[in-house]
Structure formats: structure tokens, C-alpha cells
Amino acid sequence: MQNIRSEIKKNNNEILRKSIASMVAAIIIPMTIVAILGVTMYFIYRFVIYDFLCKQSVVKTLQKYNIKKTPAQIIKEYHNSKGENISEKEIQRLEKHYRQHEPEQFLAMYDVMKDKSKTNEND
């Protein structure tokens, strides 16, 4: 009788272990897949889609005000008008920063250059 009980207990423990292992696999594997997909999609959004949308927004704003210059040209001309010579790499870095964090700076720089050119014409 004792033997039968211990055998039943072993079988129950084995069944319990297998069911726990399958439940863990059924929960952990999908959670891991979802986490990996979530992180991947976040990085795709953050480094590709977000920048594209920001760039598109700036271009539309410049077109709205009938400005035919690119953001890079505006930055380069603005810094040249201030007497600063900056590299292409620095222009790209500034363009990305302004595009993503301060898009109104393109209009501000353009206005400063426009006002400066009008002042120079009047002198």
C-alpha cells in the first residue's frame, strides 16, 4: 500500500513538473518575443521614423513660408554671416538637433539672415 502511494506521489510530482515547465514555456517564450519586438520597434521608431517625420515637418514649414533653402543651407549661411566657419559634419549634427528638438530655429535663423541682408542693402 505504501509502495502504491509513493508511486502515485512520484507520478503526480512528475505530472506537476511537466505542467509547470509547459506553463513557463507558454508564458516566458511569448513574453520574450513581445519584449524583443517592442524594443526593436522602439529603436526603429526613434532612430528612423521619428527623424523622417521631423525632417518632413521642417521641409513643409519652409515651403509654407516660401523658403527655397534647405535646412543645411540655412545653418551654413547663418553661421557664415556670424563669421563662424563650421564643418559639414557639424552642420549635419546641428541640423539633426534643430530638426528634432528646435524646429523653429530654422525660421529664426532665416529671419536673422534676411534682416541682416536688408540692413546691408540699406547701408
Protein backbone atom coordinates (compact mmCIF):
# COMPACT_ATOMS: atom_id res chain seq x y z
CA MET A 1 0.00 0.00 0.00
CA GLN A 2 2.83 2.36 0.93
CA ASN A 3 4.52 1.49 -2.33
CA ILE A 4 1.45 2.39 -4.34
CA ARG A 5 1.11 5.73 -2.54
CA SER A 6 4.73 6.64 -3.15
CA GLU A 7 4.37 5.62 -6.80
CA ILE A 8 1.25 7.79 -7.17
CA LYS A 9 3.08 10.67 -5.46
CA LYS A 10 6.01 10.32 -7.88
CA ASN A 11 3.65 10.28 -10.86
CA ASN A 12 1.81 13.33 -9.55
CA ASN A 13 5.09 15.17 -8.97
CA GLU A 14 6.25 14.28 -12.47
CA ILE A 15 2.97 15.47 -13.99
CA LEU A 16 3.15 18.67 -11.94
CA ARG A 17 6.75 19.32 -13.06
CA LYS A 18 5.83 18.80 -16.71
CA SER A 19 2.79 21.04 -16.49
CA ILE A 20 4.79 23.79 -14.75
CA ALA A 21 7.50 23.52 -17.41
CA SER A 22 4.95 23.79 -20.20
CA MET A 23 3.22 26.75 -18.48
CA VAL A 24 6.56 28.50 -18.05
CA ALA A 25 7.35 27.90 -21.71
CA ALA A 26 3.88 29.08 -22.70
CA ILE A 27 4.32 32.32 -20.73
CA ILE A 28 8.04 33.11 -20.95
CA ILE A 29 8.58 32.48 -24.66
CA PRO A 30 5.76 34.77 -25.87
CA MET A 31 6.76 37.44 -23.34
CA THR A 32 10.34 37.30 -24.58
CA ILE A 33 9.23 37.56 -28.20
CA VAL A 34 6.96 40.51 -27.42
CA ALA A 35 9.73 42.25 -25.46
CA ILE A 36 12.24 41.82 -28.29
CA LEU A 37 9.72 43.07 -30.85
CA GLY A 38 8.82 46.01 -28.64
CA VAL A 39 12.43 47.10 -28.18
CA THR A 40 13.14 46.64 -31.89
CA MET A 41 10.11 48.70 -32.92
CA TYR A 42 11.03 51.43 -30.42
CA PHE A 43 14.53 51.74 -31.90
CA ILE A 44 13.18 51.74 -35.45
CA TYR A 45 10.75 54.50 -34.49
CA ARG A 46 13.29 56.51 -32.50
CA PHE A 47 16.13 56.44 -34.99
CA VAL A 48 14.37 56.17 -38.36
CA ILE A 49 10.71 57.11 -38.38
CA TYR A 50 10.89 59.98 -35.86
CA ASP A 51 13.75 61.65 -37.71
CA PHE A 52 11.96 61.21 -41.05
CA LEU A 53 8.78 62.80 -39.67
CA CYS A 54 10.74 65.69 -38.14
CA LYS A 55 12.55 66.30 -41.43
CA GLN A 56 9.29 66.23 -43.35
CA SER A 57 7.74 68.71 -40.91
CA VAL A 58 10.62 71.16 -41.25
CA VAL A 59 10.57 70.95 -45.05
CA LYS A 60 6.81 71.59 -45.10
CA THR A 61 7.24 74.57 -42.78
CA LEU A 62 9.93 76.05 -45.00
CA GLN A 63 7.74 75.51 -48.07
CA LYS A 64 4.79 77.10 -46.27
CA TYR A 65 6.79 80.30 -45.85
CA ASN A 66 8.11 80.03 -49.42
CA ILE A 67 11.71 79.48 -48.34
CA LYS A 68 13.64 77.71 -51.06
CA LYS A 69 16.70 76.86 -48.99
CA THR A 70 17.39 73.55 -47.29
CA PRO A 71 17.89 73.43 -43.53
CA ALA A 72 21.59 72.72 -44.05
CA GLN A 73 21.95 75.81 -46.28
CA ILE A 74 20.20 77.97 -43.69
CA ILE A 75 22.52 76.76 -40.92
CA LYS A 76 25.63 77.23 -43.06
CA GLU A 77 24.67 80.72 -44.23
CA TYR A 78 23.63 81.76 -40.73
CA HIS A 79 26.96 80.74 -39.20
CA ASN A 80 28.88 82.26 -42.12
CA SER A 81 27.03 85.55 -41.57
CA LYS A 82 28.15 85.44 -37.93
CA GLY A 83 31.73 84.93 -39.12
CA GLU A 84 31.93 81.32 -37.96
CA ASN A 85 33.25 78.61 -40.23
CA ILE A 86 31.76 75.21 -39.37
CA SER A 87 32.40 71.82 -40.93
CA GLU A 88 29.89 69.74 -42.87
CA LYS A 89 29.78 67.25 -40.03
CA GLU A 90 28.92 70.00 -37.56
CA ILE A 91 26.24 71.30 -39.94
CA GLN A 92 24.70 67.82 -40.10
CA ARG A 93 24.80 67.50 -36.33
CA LEU A 94 23.19 70.90 -35.83
CA GLU A 95 20.58 70.17 -38.49
CA LYS A 96 19.56 66.94 -36.78
CA HIS A 97 19.46 68.61 -33.36
CA TYR A 98 17.39 71.56 -34.57
CA ARG A 99 15.15 69.31 -36.65
CA GLN A 100 14.31 67.06 -33.70
CA HIS A 101 14.39 69.49 -30.77
CA GLU A 102 14.07 73.07 -32.01
CA PRO A 103 12.49 73.19 -35.49
CA GLU A 104 11.54 76.87 -35.10
CA GLN A 105 15.27 77.73 -35.12
CA PHE A 106 15.36 77.35 -38.91
CA LEU A 107 12.84 80.16 -39.31
CA ALA A 108 14.62 82.26 -36.70
CA MET A 109 17.99 81.86 -38.42
CA TYR A 110 16.43 82.61 -41.81
CA ASP A 111 14.79 85.77 -40.42
CA VAL A 112 18.09 86.94 -38.91
CA MET A 113 19.86 86.44 -42.24
CA LYS A 114 17.04 88.17 -44.11
CA ASP A 115 17.06 91.14 -41.71
CA LYS A 116 20.85 91.34 -41.94
CA SER A 117 20.74 91.39 -45.75
CA LYS A 118 18.09 94.13 -45.71
CA THR A 119 20.21 96.17 -43.30
CA ASN A 120 23.26 95.73 -45.53
CA GLU A 121 21.27 96.84 -48.60
CA ASN A 122 20.05 99.99 -46.83
CA ASP A 123 23.59 100.99 -45.75
